Amino acid sequence: MLGKLRAPFEDSQIGKLPRVTCKACSDRACSEHKPSQCRVCKGFLGKHIHLDYVGHAHVTERLLEIDPGWSWEPFALVERGLPALDASNGLWIRMTVGGKTVIGYGDAPGKRAAVKELIGDAIRNAAMRLGVALDLWKKEPADTVARAEPAPAEKRSLSPEERAAELRNLILAVGKKKRMRLADIAGAFHEWCRGEREFRTAPAEVLEEFQQHLQKIGSTDA
């Protein structure tokens, strides 16, 4: 399994992430390097370099190929049942692939309300602990000044189907803490919505409400 996780990615799956290397450019106060649109990463930046990276979608695809039942869960939840962030607005997660659990951390410096970026970054960080794209992480230099704005492809909003899939993963993580199997969760969902929806096809807005409901109900024997 570890060998398959560490398999190299194709060139078409590797993107270019800009990193600012000038402190003044990072502070938007540089008189030496005039910001311009980069032909490689399409970012509007001053002095910067490019780091090879594999995006959230390709990492998720690799995990699904290895273990269709892989999962992740946040270290803690707030009262509403949503993932809790730390004092630096970062997200700590546990990710399980093929029965092996690793810890990951996601952050989005300089951004507010960047939950999708946090989740994607945490999953990629945890996957790296299993060897996914490890060769690319090893190439990252230690002397970059600041993380620049991601390329436009990384900023893409989730489609309704992707958001629903993301919420189903969160619900499964909550259910796991309550010792609920997938069948238990699906049954609880069917009862909660009075048979009007199915867990595997429900839209995101319904799943979000159910997640909050599930957080409040009692545990179930496995």
N, C-alpha and C. Protein backbone atom coordinates (compact mmCIF):
# COMPACT_ATOMS: atom_id res chain seq x y z
N MET A 1 0.82 -1.19 0.00
CA MET A 1 0.00 0.00 0.00
C MET A 1 0.87 1.26 0.00
N LEU A 2 1.90 1.27 0.86
CA LEU A 2 2.77 2.44 0.95
C LEU A 2 3.50 2.69 -0.36
N GLY A 3 3.86 1.60 -1.04
CA GLY A 3 4.53 1.75 -2.33
C GLY A 3 3.62 2.41 -3.36
N LYS A 4 2.35 2.05 -3.38
CA LYS A 4 1.40 2.65 -4.31
C LYS A 4 1.14 4.12 -3.96
N LEU A 5 1.09 4.41 -2.66
CA LEU A 5 0.88 5.80 -2.24
C LEU A 5 2.04 6.69 -2.68
N ARG A 6 3.25 6.14 -2.66
CA ARG A 6 4.45 6.93 -3.00
C ARG A 6 4.74 6.98 -4.49
N ALA A 7 3.93 6.31 -5.30
CA ALA A 7 4.18 6.31 -6.74
C ALA A 7 4.20 7.74 -7.29
N PRO A 8 5.13 8.05 -8.21
CA PRO A 8 5.22 9.41 -8.76
C PRO A 8 3.93 9.82 -9.48
N PHE A 9 3.64 11.10 -9.45
CA PHE A 9 2.50 11.63 -10.18
C PHE A 9 2.93 12.00 -11.59
N GLU A 10 1.99 11.99 -12.51
CA GLU A 10 2.28 12.40 -13.88
C GLU A 10 2.52 13.90 -13.94
N ASP A 11 3.26 14.33 -14.95
CA ASP A 11 3.56 15.76 -15.09
C ASP A 11 2.29 16.59 -15.17
N SER A 12 1.25 16.04 -15.81
CA SER A 12 0.00 16.79 -15.96
C SER A 12 -0.73 16.98 -14.63
N GLN A 13 -0.35 16.22 -13.60
CA GLN A 13 -0.99 16.33 -12.29
C GLN A 13 -0.22 17.24 -11.33
N ILE A 14 0.91 17.75 -11.79
CA ILE A 14 1.76 18.59 -10.94
C ILE A 14 1.59 20.05 -11.32
N GLY A 15 1.20 20.86 -10.34
CA GLY A 15 1.00 22.29 -10.59
C GLY A 15 2.18 23.11 -10.09
N LYS A 16 2.07 24.42 -10.27
CA LYS A 16 3.11 25.37 -9.86
C LYS A 16 2.53 26.31 -8.80
N LEU A 17 3.08 26.24 -7.60
CA LEU A 17 2.63 27.10 -6.52
C LEU A 17 3.63 28.24 -6.31
N PRO A 18 3.19 29.50 -6.42
CA PRO A 18 4.12 30.62 -6.24
C PRO A 18 4.46 30.87 -4.78
N ARG A 19 5.71 31.18 -4.50
CA ARG A 19 6.14 31.58 -3.16
C ARG A 19 6.95 32.87 -3.26
N VAL A 20 6.53 33.89 -2.55
CA VAL A 20 7.22 35.18 -2.56
C VAL A 20 8.56 35.03 -1.83
N THR A 21 9.62 35.59 -2.41
CA THR A 21 10.96 35.49 -1.82
C THR A 21 11.52 36.85 -1.39
N CYS A 22 10.72 37.89 -1.52
CA CYS A 22 11.15 39.23 -1.14
C CYS A 22 10.25 39.72 -0.01
N LYS A 23 10.86 40.09 1.13
CA LYS A 23 10.09 40.54 2.29
C LYS A 23 9.26 41.77 1.94
N ALA A 24 9.83 42.70 1.19
CA ALA A 24 9.09 43.91 0.83
C ALA A 24 7.92 43.59 -0.09
N CYS A 25 8.13 42.64 -1.01
CA CYS A 25 7.02 42.22 -1.87
C CYS A 25 5.91 41.58 -1.05
N SER A 26 6.31 40.80 -0.05
CA SER A 26 5.33 40.16 0.82
C SER A 26 4.49 41.19 1.56
N ASP A 27 5.14 42.29 1.95
CA ASP A 27 4.44 43.36 2.68
C ASP A 27 3.79 44.36 1.74
N ARG A 28 3.85 44.09 0.44
CA ARG A 28 3.29 44.98 -0.58
C ARG A 28 3.88 46.39 -0.49
N ALA A 29 5.18 46.44 -0.19
CA ALA A 29 5.85 47.73 -0.06
C ALA A 29 7.18 47.73 -0.78
N CYS A 30 7.27 47.00 -1.86
CA CYS A 30 8.54 46.86 -2.58
C CYS A 30 8.61 47.86 -3.73
N SER A 31 9.71 48.61 -3.78
CA SER A 31 9.92 49.57 -4.86
C SER A 31 10.85 49.01 -5.93
N GLU A 32 11.43 47.84 -5.66
CA GLU A 32 12.41 47.25 -6.58
C GLU A 32 11.76 46.29 -7.56
N HIS A 33 10.80 45.49 -7.09
CA HIS A 33 10.17 44.49 -7.95
C HIS A 33 8.71 44.89 -8.22
N LYS A 34 8.44 45.29 -9.43
CA LYS A 34 7.10 45.72 -9.79
C LYS A 34 6.21 44.50 -10.02
N PRO A 35 5.07 44.41 -9.35
CA PRO A 35 4.17 43.25 -9.55
C PRO A 35 3.68 43.19 -11.00
N SER A 36 3.64 42.00 -11.51
CA SER A 36 3.12 41.77 -12.86
C SER A 36 2.55 40.36 -12.91
N GLN A 37 1.74 40.09 -13.90
CA GLN A 37 1.13 38.76 -14.01
C GLN A 37 2.16 37.75 -14.51
N CYS A 38 2.35 36.69 -13.74
CA CYS A 38 3.32 35.66 -14.09
C CYS A 38 2.75 34.75 -15.18
N ARG A 39 3.56 34.46 -16.19
CA ARG A 39 3.09 33.59 -17.28
C ARG A 39 2.98 32.14 -16.85
N VAL A 40 3.67 31.77 -15.77
CA VAL A 40 3.65 30.37 -15.32
C VAL A 40 2.47 30.09 -14.40
N CYS A 41 2.36 30.86 -13.29
CA CYS A 41 1.31 30.60 -12.30
C CYS A 41 0.10 31.50 -12.44
N LYS A 42 0.20 32.52 -13.34
CA LYS A 42 -0.88 33.48 -13.60
C LYS A 42 -1.15 34.41 -12.42
N GLY A 43 -0.33 34.35 -11.38
CA GLY A 43 -0.50 35.24 -10.24
C GLY A 43 0.05 36.63 -10.54
N PHE A 44 -0.50 37.66 -9.87
CA PHE A 44 -0.04 39.04 -10.03
C PHE A 44 0.90 39.33 -8.87
N LEU A 45 2.20 39.09 -9.07
CA LEU A 45 3.16 39.06 -7.98
C LEU A 45 4.43 39.83 -8.29
N GLY A 46 5.21 40.08 -7.21
CA GLY A 46 6.55 40.62 -7.35
C GLY A 46 7.53 39.48 -7.47
N LYS A 47 8.65 39.56 -6.76
CA LYS A 47 9.68 38.53 -6.85
C LYS A 47 9.19 37.24 -6.19
N HIS A 48 9.25 36.14 -6.94
CA HIS A 48 8.77 34.88 -6.39
C HIS A 48 9.38 33.71 -7.14
N ILE A 49 9.23 32.53 -6.57
CA ILE A 49 9.67 31.29 -7.21
C ILE A 49 8.45 30.38 -7.34
N HIS A 50 8.63 29.23 -8.00
CA HIS A 50 7.54 28.28 -8.15
C HIS A 50 7.91 26.94 -7.51
N LEU A 51 6.99 26.39 -6.76
CA LEU A 51 7.18 25.09 -6.15
C LEU A 51 6.23 24.09 -6.81
N ASP A 52 6.76 22.92 -7.13
CA ASP A 52 5.91 21.87 -7.68
C ASP A 52 5.01 21.34 -6.56
N TYR A 53 3.73 21.13 -6.89
CA TYR A 53 2.81 20.60 -5.89
C TYR A 53 1.72 19.79 -6.59
N VAL A 54 1.09 18.92 -5.82
CA VAL A 54 -0.06 18.15 -6.30
C VAL A 54 -1.28 18.64 -5.54
N GLY A 55 -2.30 19.02 -6.25
CA GLY A 55 -3.48 19.61 -5.65
C GLY A 55 -4.35 18.61 -4.89
N HIS A 56 -5.32 19.17 -4.17
CA HIS A 56 -6.24 18.39 -3.34
C HIS A 56 -6.95 17.29 -4.13
N ALA A 57 -7.43 17.62 -5.34
CA ALA A 57 -8.21 16.66 -6.12
C ALA A 57 -7.37 15.43 -6.50
N HIS A 58 -6.13 15.65 -6.94
CA HIS A 58 -5.29 14.52 -7.35
C HIS A 58 -4.85 13.69 -6.14
N VAL A 59 -4.62 14.35 -5.00
CA VAL A 59 -4.29 13.60 -3.79
C VAL A 59 -5.47 12.74 -3.37
N THR A 60 -6.68 13.32 -3.40
CA THR A 60 -7.88 12.56 -3.05
C THR A 60 -8.08 11.38 -3.99
N GLU A 61 -7.83 11.60 -5.28
CA GLU A 61 -7.94 10.51 -6.26
C GLU A 61 -6.98 9.38 -5.92
N ARG A 62 -5.74 9.71 -5.53
CA ARG A 62 -4.77 8.69 -5.17
C ARG A 62 -5.23 7.90 -3.94
N LEU A 63 -5.77 8.60 -2.94
CA LEU A 63 -6.24 7.93 -1.73
C LEU A 63 -7.40 6.99 -2.04
N LEU A 64 -8.30 7.43 -2.91
CA LEU A 64 -9.45 6.58 -3.28
C LEU A 64 -9.00 5.34 -4.05
N GLU A 65 -7.97 5.49 -4.87
CA GLU A 65 -7.45 4.34 -5.62
C GLU A 65 -6.88 3.29 -4.68
N ILE A 66 -6.26 3.75 -3.59
CA ILE A 66 -5.62 2.83 -2.65
C ILE A 66 -6.64 2.25 -1.67
N ASP A 67 -7.52 3.12 -1.16
CA ASP A 67 -8.49 2.70 -0.15
C ASP A 67 -9.78 3.50 -0.32
N PRO A 68 -10.79 2.94 -1.01
CA PRO A 68 -12.04 3.68 -1.23
C PRO A 68 -12.72 4.09 0.08
N GLY A 69 -12.39 3.44 1.17
CA GLY A 69 -13.01 3.76 2.45
C GLY A 69 -12.18 4.68 3.33
N TRP A 70 -11.18 5.35 2.76
CA TRP A 70 -10.33 6.24 3.57
C TRP A 70 -11.19 7.34 4.19
N SER A 71 -10.73 7.89 5.28
CA SER A 71 -11.51 8.92 5.96
C SER A 71 -10.61 9.88 6.72
N TRP A 72 -11.17 11.02 7.08
CA TRP A 72 -10.46 11.97 7.93
C TRP A 72 -11.45 12.55 8.92
N GLU A 73 -10.92 13.04 10.03
CA GLU A 73 -11.76 13.68 11.03
C GLU A 73 -10.96 14.76 11.75
N PRO A 74 -11.61 15.84 12.14
CA PRO A 74 -10.91 16.90 12.87
C PRO A 74 -10.59 16.45 14.28
N PHE A 75 -9.58 17.04 14.89
CA PHE A 75 -9.24 16.71 16.27
C PHE A 75 -10.39 17.05 17.21
N ALA A 76 -11.09 18.14 16.94
CA ALA A 76 -12.16 18.58 17.84
C ALA A 76 -13.25 19.26 17.03
N LEU A 77 -14.44 19.34 17.65
CA LEU A 77 -15.58 19.98 17.02
C LEU A 77 -16.10 21.10 17.92
N VAL A 78 -16.64 22.14 17.32
CA VAL A 78 -17.28 23.19 18.10
C VAL A 78 -18.70 22.75 18.42
N GLU A 79 -19.42 23.56 19.18
CA GLU A 79 -20.75 23.17 19.64
C GLU A 79 -21.70 22.87 18.49
N ARG A 80 -21.56 23.56 17.37
CA ARG A 80 -22.45 23.34 16.23
C ARG A 80 -22.10 22.09 15.43
N GLY A 81 -21.04 21.40 15.83
CA GLY A 81 -20.65 20.18 15.15
C GLY A 81 -19.66 20.37 14.02
N LEU A 82 -19.17 21.60 13.85
CA LEU A 82 -18.20 21.88 12.79
C LEU A 82 -16.78 21.71 13.31
N PRO A 83 -15.79 21.49 12.43
CA PRO A 83 -14.39 21.32 12.88
C PRO A 83 -13.90 22.56 13.64
N ALA A 84 -13.19 22.31 14.72
CA ALA A 84 -12.63 23.40 15.52
C ALA A 84 -11.25 23.78 15.00
N LEU A 85 -10.96 25.08 14.96
CA LEU A 85 -9.66 25.58 14.54
C LEU A 85 -8.82 25.93 15.75
N ASP A 86 -7.48 25.92 15.59
CA ASP A 86 -6.62 26.27 16.71
C ASP A 86 -6.43 27.78 16.80
N ALA A 87 -5.56 28.22 17.71
CA ALA A 87 -5.37 29.65 17.93
C ALA A 87 -4.81 30.36 16.71
N SER A 88 -4.18 29.62 15.80
CA SER A 88 -3.62 30.22 14.58
C SER A 88 -4.55 30.04 13.38
N ASN A 89 -5.81 29.64 13.67
CA ASN A 89 -6.79 29.37 12.62
C ASN A 89 -6.36 28.24 11.69
N GLY A 90 -5.64 27.29 12.25
CA GLY A 90 -5.24 26.09 11.52
C GLY A 90 -6.13 24.92 11.91
N LEU A 91 -6.11 23.88 11.10
CA LEU A 91 -6.97 22.70 11.31
C LEU A 91 -6.12 21.45 11.49
N TRP A 92 -6.24 20.81 12.67
CA TRP A 92 -5.58 19.53 12.93
C TRP A 92 -6.55 18.41 12.60
N ILE A 93 -6.06 17.39 11.87
CA ILE A 93 -6.92 16.27 11.52
C ILE A 93 -6.21 14.93 11.75
N ARG A 94 -7.03 13.89 11.85
CA ARG A 94 -6.54 12.50 11.79
C ARG A 94 -7.07 11.92 10.48
N MET A 95 -6.18 11.28 9.73
CA MET A 95 -6.59 10.66 8.48
C MET A 95 -6.23 9.18 8.51
N THR A 96 -7.17 8.34 8.10
CA THR A 96 -6.96 6.90 8.12
C THR A 96 -7.05 6.34 6.71
N VAL A 97 -5.99 5.64 6.29
CA VAL A 97 -5.94 5.01 4.97
C VAL A 97 -5.44 3.59 5.15
N GLY A 98 -6.22 2.63 4.70
CA GLY A 98 -5.81 1.24 4.82
C GLY A 98 -5.56 0.81 6.24
N GLY A 99 -6.29 1.36 7.20
CA GLY A 99 -6.14 0.99 8.60
C GLY A 99 -5.03 1.74 9.31
N LYS A 100 -4.27 2.57 8.61
CA LYS A 100 -3.18 3.33 9.23
C LYS A 100 -3.63 4.78 9.42
N THR A 101 -3.51 5.30 10.64
CA THR A 101 -3.93 6.66 10.96
C THR A 101 -2.73 7.57 11.15
N VAL A 102 -2.77 8.73 10.50
CA VAL A 102 -1.70 9.72 10.61
C VAL A 102 -2.32 11.07 10.95
N ILE A 103 -1.49 11.98 11.40
CA ILE A 103 -1.93 13.33 11.77
C ILE A 103 -1.54 14.31 10.68
N GLY A 104 -2.41 15.27 10.40
CA GLY A 104 -2.12 16.31 9.42
C GLY A 104 -2.54 17.67 9.92
N TYR A 105 -1.98 18.70 9.31
CA TYR A 105 -2.30 20.07 9.72
C TYR A 105 -2.48 20.93 8.48
N GLY A 106 -3.54 21.73 8.48
CA GLY A 106 -3.79 22.63 7.36
C GLY A 106 -3.87 24.06 7.81
N ASP A 107 -3.30 24.97 7.02
CA ASP A 107 -3.43 26.39 7.33
C ASP A 107 -3.58 27.17 6.03
N ALA A 108 -3.99 28.41 6.17
CA ALA A 108 -4.18 29.30 5.02
C ALA A 108 -3.78 30.70 5.45
N PRO A 109 -2.47 30.97 5.55
CA PRO A 109 -1.98 32.26 6.04
C PRO A 109 -2.53 33.43 5.25
N GLY A 110 -2.95 34.46 5.98
CA GLY A 110 -3.44 35.67 5.34
C GLY A 110 -4.84 35.59 4.82
N LYS A 111 -5.52 34.48 5.03
CA LYS A 111 -6.89 34.33 4.52
C LYS A 111 -7.87 34.22 5.67
N ARG A 112 -9.11 34.63 5.40
CA ARG A 112 -10.17 34.52 6.38
C ARG A 112 -11.29 33.67 5.78
N ALA A 113 -11.94 32.89 6.62
CA ALA A 113 -13.04 32.03 6.17
C ALA A 113 -12.58 31.12 5.04
N ALA A 114 -11.38 30.56 5.18
CA ALA A 114 -10.81 29.71 4.12
C ALA A 114 -10.92 28.24 4.51
N VAL A 115 -12.12 27.79 4.84
CA VAL A 115 -12.31 26.43 5.34
C VAL A 115 -11.92 25.39 4.30
N LYS A 116 -12.30 25.61 3.04
CA LYS A 116 -11.98 24.63 2.00
C LYS A 116 -10.46 24.51 1.82
N GLU A 117 -9.76 25.65 1.87
CA GLU A 117 -8.31 25.61 1.75
C GLU A 117 -7.68 24.88 2.94
N LEU A 118 -8.24 25.09 4.14
CA LEU A 118 -7.72 24.42 5.33
C LEU A 118 -7.86 22.91 5.21
N ILE A 119 -9.04 22.46 4.78
CA ILE A 119 -9.29 21.02 4.66
C ILE A 119 -8.37 20.41 3.61
N GLY A 120 -8.30 21.06 2.44
CA GLY A 120 -7.43 20.54 1.38
C GLY A 120 -5.98 20.49 1.80
N ASP A 121 -5.51 21.54 2.49
CA ASP A 121 -4.12 21.60 2.93
C ASP A 121 -3.84 20.52 3.99
N ALA A 122 -4.81 20.31 4.90
CA ALA A 122 -4.63 19.30 5.95
C ALA A 122 -4.58 17.90 5.36
N ILE A 123 -5.43 17.63 4.38
CA ILE A 123 -5.45 16.30 3.75
C ILE A 123 -4.14 16.06 3.00
N ARG A 124 -3.66 17.07 2.26
CA ARG A 124 -2.40 16.91 1.55
C ARG A 124 -1.23 16.73 2.53
N ASN A 125 -1.29 17.46 3.65
CA ASN A 125 -0.23 17.35 4.65
C ASN A 125 -0.22 15.97 5.29
N ALA A 126 -1.41 15.45 5.62
CA ALA A 126 -1.50 14.12 6.21
C ALA A 126 -1.08 13.05 5.21
N ALA A 127 -1.50 13.22 3.96
CA ALA A 127 -1.14 12.23 2.92
C ALA A 127 0.36 12.17 2.72
N MET A 128 1.03 13.32 2.89
CA MET A 128 2.48 13.35 2.77
C MET A 128 3.13 12.43 3.81
N ARG A 129 2.51 12.32 5.02
CA ARG A 129 3.04 11.43 6.05
C ARG A 129 3.01 9.97 5.60
N LEU A 130 2.14 9.69 4.62
CA LEU A 130 2.07 8.33 4.07
C LEU A 130 2.89 8.20 2.78
N GLY A 131 3.56 9.28 2.39
CA GLY A 131 4.42 9.22 1.22
C GLY A 131 3.85 9.81 -0.04
N VAL A 132 2.60 10.32 0.00
CA VAL A 132 1.98 10.88 -1.20
C VAL A 132 2.68 12.18 -1.58
N ALA A 133 3.26 12.23 -2.78
CA ALA A 133 3.97 13.41 -3.30
C ALA A 133 5.13 13.83 -2.38
N LEU A 134 5.68 12.88 -1.66
CA LEU A 134 6.77 13.20 -0.72
C LEU A 134 7.98 13.78 -1.44
N ASP A 135 8.25 13.29 -2.66
CA ASP A 135 9.41 13.79 -3.39
C ASP A 135 9.27 15.27 -3.72
N LEU A 136 8.04 15.75 -3.90
CA LEU A 136 7.82 17.17 -4.18
C LEU A 136 7.96 18.00 -2.92
N TRP A 137 7.48 17.47 -1.79
CA TRP A 137 7.63 18.19 -0.52
C TRP A 137 9.12 18.35 -0.18
N LYS A 138 9.92 17.35 -0.51
CA LYS A 138 11.35 17.39 -0.18
C LYS A 138 12.08 18.48 -0.94
N LYS A 139 11.53 18.90 -2.08
CA LYS A 139 12.18 19.92 -2.89
C LYS A 139 11.89 21.33 -2.40
N GLU A 140 10.94 21.48 -1.46
CA GLU A 140 10.54 22.82 -1.03
C GLU A 140 11.67 23.50 -0.28
N PRO A 141 12.10 24.69 -0.73
CA PRO A 141 13.20 25.39 -0.05
C PRO A 141 12.76 25.96 1.29
N ALA A 142 13.72 26.15 2.19
CA ALA A 142 13.41 26.64 3.54
C ALA A 142 13.52 28.14 3.67
N ASP A 143 13.98 28.83 2.62
CA ASP A 143 14.26 30.26 2.76
C ASP A 143 13.24 31.16 2.08
N THR A 144 12.07 30.63 1.72
CA THR A 144 11.05 31.49 1.15
C THR A 144 10.46 32.36 2.24
N VAL A 145 10.04 33.55 1.86
CA VAL A 145 9.60 34.54 2.84
C VAL A 145 8.15 34.35 3.22
N ALA A 146 7.29 34.14 2.24
CA ALA A 146 5.85 34.06 2.53
C ALA A 146 5.17 33.26 1.45
N ARG A 147 4.04 32.71 1.79
CA ARG A 147 3.24 31.96 0.82
C ARG A 147 2.42 32.94 0.00
N ALA A 148 2.57 32.87 -1.29
CA ALA A 148 1.83 33.78 -2.16
C ALA A 148 0.43 33.26 -2.40
N GLU A 149 -0.37 34.06 -3.08
CA GLU A 149 -1.72 33.64 -3.41
C GLU A 149 -1.65 32.41 -4.32
N PRO A 150 -2.45 31.40 -4.06
CA PRO A 150 -2.44 30.20 -4.91
C PRO A 150 -2.85 30.52 -6.34
N ALA A 151 -2.47 29.63 -7.23
CA ALA A 151 -2.91 29.77 -8.61
C ALA A 151 -4.43 29.66 -8.67
N PRO A 152 -5.06 30.22 -9.71
CA PRO A 152 -6.52 30.22 -9.79
C PRO A 152 -7.15 28.85 -9.65
N ALA A 153 -6.50 27.79 -10.15
CA ALA A 153 -7.10 26.46 -10.07
C ALA A 153 -7.32 26.03 -8.63
N GLU A 154 -6.43 26.46 -7.69
CA GLU A 154 -6.58 26.09 -6.29
C GLU A 154 -7.70 26.86 -5.60
N LYS A 155 -8.14 27.98 -6.21
CA LYS A 155 -9.18 28.81 -5.62
C LYS A 155 -10.57 28.40 -6.08
N ARG A 156 -10.67 27.43 -6.97
CA ARG A 156 -11.95 27.04 -7.53
C ARG A 156 -12.93 26.64 -6.44
N SER A 157 -14.13 27.16 -6.53
CA SER A 157 -15.16 26.81 -5.56
C SER A 157 -15.62 25.38 -5.79
N LEU A 158 -16.01 24.73 -4.72
CA LEU A 158 -16.52 23.38 -4.85
C LEU A 158 -17.88 23.39 -5.54
N SER A 159 -18.11 22.40 -6.38
CA SER A 159 -19.43 22.25 -6.98
C SER A 159 -20.39 21.74 -5.91
N PRO A 160 -21.71 21.84 -6.13
CA PRO A 160 -22.66 21.31 -5.15
C PRO A 160 -22.41 19.84 -4.82
N GLU A 161 -22.03 19.05 -5.84
CA GLU A 161 -21.77 17.63 -5.60
C GLU A 161 -20.51 17.44 -4.74
N GLU A 162 -19.47 18.24 -4.99
CA GLU A 162 -18.24 18.14 -4.20
C GLU A 162 -18.48 18.58 -2.76
N ARG A 163 -19.27 19.64 -2.58
CA ARG A 163 -19.59 20.10 -1.23
C ARG A 163 -20.38 19.04 -0.48
N ALA A 164 -21.32 18.38 -1.17
CA ALA A 164 -22.10 17.33 -0.54
C ALA A 164 -21.20 16.16 -0.14
N ALA A 165 -20.24 15.80 -1.00
CA ALA A 165 -19.32 14.72 -0.67
C ALA A 165 -18.45 15.09 0.53
N GLU A 166 -18.04 16.36 0.60
CA GLU A 166 -17.24 16.84 1.72
C GLU A 166 -18.03 16.73 3.02
N LEU A 167 -19.30 17.11 2.97
CA LEU A 167 -20.15 17.03 4.17
C LEU A 167 -20.40 15.58 4.58
N ARG A 168 -20.54 14.69 3.59
CA ARG A 168 -20.74 13.28 3.95
C ARG A 168 -19.51 12.73 4.69
N ASN A 169 -18.33 13.16 4.28
CA ASN A 169 -17.12 12.74 4.99
C ASN A 169 -17.10 13.28 6.42
N LEU A 170 -17.54 14.53 6.59
CA LEU A 170 -17.60 15.11 7.93
C LEU A 170 -18.61 14.36 8.80
N ILE A 171 -19.75 14.01 8.20
CA ILE A 171 -20.78 13.27 8.94
C ILE A 171 -20.26 11.89 9.34
N LEU A 172 -19.54 11.24 8.44
CA LEU A 172 -18.97 9.94 8.77
C LEU A 172 -17.98 10.04 9.92
N ALA A 173 -17.22 11.15 9.95
CA ALA A 173 -16.26 11.37 11.04
C ALA A 173 -16.99 11.55 12.36
N VAL A 174 -18.09 12.30 12.36
CA VAL A 174 -18.89 12.48 13.57
C VAL A 174 -19.49 11.15 14.01
N GLY A 175 -20.02 10.39 13.03
CA GLY A 175 -20.60 9.10 13.35
C GLY A 175 -19.60 8.12 13.93
N LYS A 176 -18.36 8.18 13.42
CA LYS A 176 -17.32 7.29 13.93
C LYS A 176 -17.06 7.54 15.40
N LYS A 177 -17.08 8.81 15.81
CA LYS A 177 -16.87 9.14 17.22
C LYS A 177 -18.01 8.58 18.08
N LYS A 178 -19.19 8.42 17.48
CA LYS A 178 -20.34 7.91 18.21
C LYS A 178 -20.52 6.40 18.01
N ARG A 179 -19.50 5.77 17.42
CA ARG A 179 -19.50 4.32 17.19
C ARG A 179 -20.64 3.90 16.26
N MET A 180 -20.90 4.73 15.27
CA MET A 180 -21.95 4.45 14.29
C MET A 180 -21.33 3.99 12.98
N ARG A 181 -21.88 2.92 12.43
CA ARG A 181 -21.45 2.47 11.12
C ARG A 181 -22.20 3.25 10.05
N LEU A 182 -21.78 3.05 8.78
CA LEU A 182 -22.43 3.75 7.68
C LEU A 182 -23.93 3.44 7.64
N ALA A 183 -24.28 2.17 7.88
CA ALA A 183 -25.69 1.79 7.87
C ALA A 183 -26.46 2.50 8.98
N ASP A 184 -25.83 2.66 10.13
CA ASP A 184 -26.48 3.37 11.24
C ASP A 184 -26.73 4.84 10.87
N ILE A 185 -25.72 5.46 10.25
CA ILE A 185 -25.85 6.86 9.86
C ILE A 185 -26.93 7.02 8.81
N ALA A 186 -26.94 6.13 7.82
CA ALA A 186 -27.94 6.21 6.76
C ALA A 186 -29.34 6.03 7.34
N GLY A 187 -29.47 5.11 8.31
CA GLY A 187 -30.77 4.89 8.94
C GLY A 187 -31.22 6.10 9.75
N ALA A 188 -30.27 6.70 10.48
CA ALA A 188 -30.60 7.88 11.26
C ALA A 188 -30.99 9.04 10.36
N PHE A 189 -30.33 9.14 9.23
CA PHE A 189 -30.66 10.21 8.28
C PHE A 189 -32.05 9.99 7.70
N HIS A 190 -32.35 8.76 7.32
CA HIS A 190 -33.65 8.44 6.73
C HIS A 190 -34.78 8.76 7.71
N GLU A 191 -34.56 8.44 8.98
CA GLU A 191 -35.56 8.73 10.00
C GLU A 191 -35.68 10.23 10.24
N TRP A 192 -34.54 10.91 10.27
CA TRP A 192 -34.52 12.36 10.54
C TRP A 192 -35.28 13.14 9.48
N CYS A 193 -35.10 12.74 8.20
CA CYS A 193 -35.77 13.48 7.11
C CYS A 193 -37.09 12.83 6.71
N ARG A 194 -37.58 11.90 7.56
CA ARG A 194 -38.89 11.27 7.35
C ARG A 194 -39.00 10.58 5.99
N GLY A 195 -37.90 10.00 5.56
CA GLY A 195 -37.90 9.23 4.33
C GLY A 195 -37.94 10.05 3.05
N GLU A 196 -37.79 11.37 3.18
CA GLU A 196 -37.89 12.21 1.99
C GLU A 196 -36.58 12.28 1.20
N ARG A 197 -35.47 11.91 1.85
CA ARG A 197 -34.17 11.96 1.19
C ARG A 197 -33.37 10.70 1.51
N GLU A 198 -32.32 10.45 0.71
CA GLU A 198 -31.39 9.38 0.97
C GLU A 198 -30.02 10.00 1.28
N PHE A 199 -29.30 9.40 2.23
CA PHE A 199 -28.02 9.96 2.66
C PHE A 199 -27.04 10.12 1.51
N ARG A 200 -26.99 9.14 0.61
CA ARG A 200 -25.97 9.16 -0.45
C ARG A 200 -26.30 10.14 -1.58
N THR A 201 -27.54 10.66 -1.63
CA THR A 201 -27.91 11.56 -2.72
C THR A 201 -28.42 12.92 -2.23
N ALA A 202 -28.48 13.12 -0.92
CA ALA A 202 -29.01 14.37 -0.38
C ALA A 202 -28.12 15.56 -0.75
N PRO A 203 -28.72 16.75 -0.97
CA PRO A 203 -27.92 17.94 -1.29
C PRO A 203 -27.18 18.48 -0.08
N ALA A 204 -26.24 19.37 -0.34
CA ALA A 204 -25.36 19.88 0.71
C ALA A 204 -26.12 20.58 1.83
N GLU A 205 -27.14 21.39 1.50
CA GLU A 205 -27.84 22.14 2.54
C GLU A 205 -28.56 21.22 3.52
N VAL A 206 -29.05 20.08 3.02
CA VAL A 206 -29.71 19.11 3.90
C VAL A 206 -28.68 18.38 4.76
N LEU A 207 -27.57 18.00 4.15
CA LEU A 207 -26.51 17.30 4.88
C LEU A 207 -25.92 18.18 5.98
N GLU A 208 -25.82 19.48 5.73
CA GLU A 208 -25.28 20.39 6.74
C GLU A 208 -26.18 20.43 7.97
N GLU A 209 -27.50 20.45 7.75
CA GLU A 209 -28.44 20.44 8.87
C GLU A 209 -28.38 19.11 9.61
N PHE A 210 -28.25 18.02 8.86
CA PHE A 210 -28.19 16.70 9.50
C PHE A 210 -26.93 16.55 10.32
N GLN A 211 -25.83 17.13 9.85
CA GLN A 211 -24.58 17.06 10.61
C GLN A 211 -24.75 17.67 12.00
N GLN A 212 -25.41 18.81 12.05
CA GLN A 212 -25.65 19.46 13.33
C GLN A 212 -26.58 18.62 14.21
N HIS A 213 -27.56 17.98 13.57
CA HIS A 213 -28.48 17.11 14.31
C HIS A 213 -27.75 15.88 14.86
N LEU A 214 -26.90 15.28 14.03
CA LEU A 214 -26.19 14.08 14.43
C LEU A 214 -25.28 14.34 15.62
N GLN A 215 -24.70 15.52 15.65
CA GLN A 215 -23.79 15.86 16.75
C GLN A 215 -24.51 15.83 18.11
N LYS A 216 -25.82 16.04 18.09
CA LYS A 216 -26.58 16.14 19.34
C LYS A 216 -27.14 14.81 19.83
N ILE A 217 -27.28 13.84 18.94
CA ILE A 217 -27.92 12.58 19.36
C ILE A 217 -26.92 11.67 20.06
N GLY A 218 -27.43 10.67 20.77
CA GLY A 218 -26.59 9.79 21.57
C GLY A 218 -25.81 8.78 20.75
N SER A 219 -24.88 8.11 21.41
CA SER A 219 -24.04 7.10 20.73
C SER A 219 -24.84 5.85 20.44
N THR A 220 -24.31 5.09 19.47
CA THR A 220 -24.92 3.83 19.07
C THR A 220 -23.88 2.72 19.19
N ASP A 221 -24.29 1.55 19.61
CA ASP A 221 -23.35 0.41 19.68
C ASP A 221 -22.97 -0.01 18.28
N ALA A 222 -21.69 -0.31 18.11
CA ALA A 222 -21.21 -0.76 16.80
C ALA A 222 -21.65 -2.17 16.53
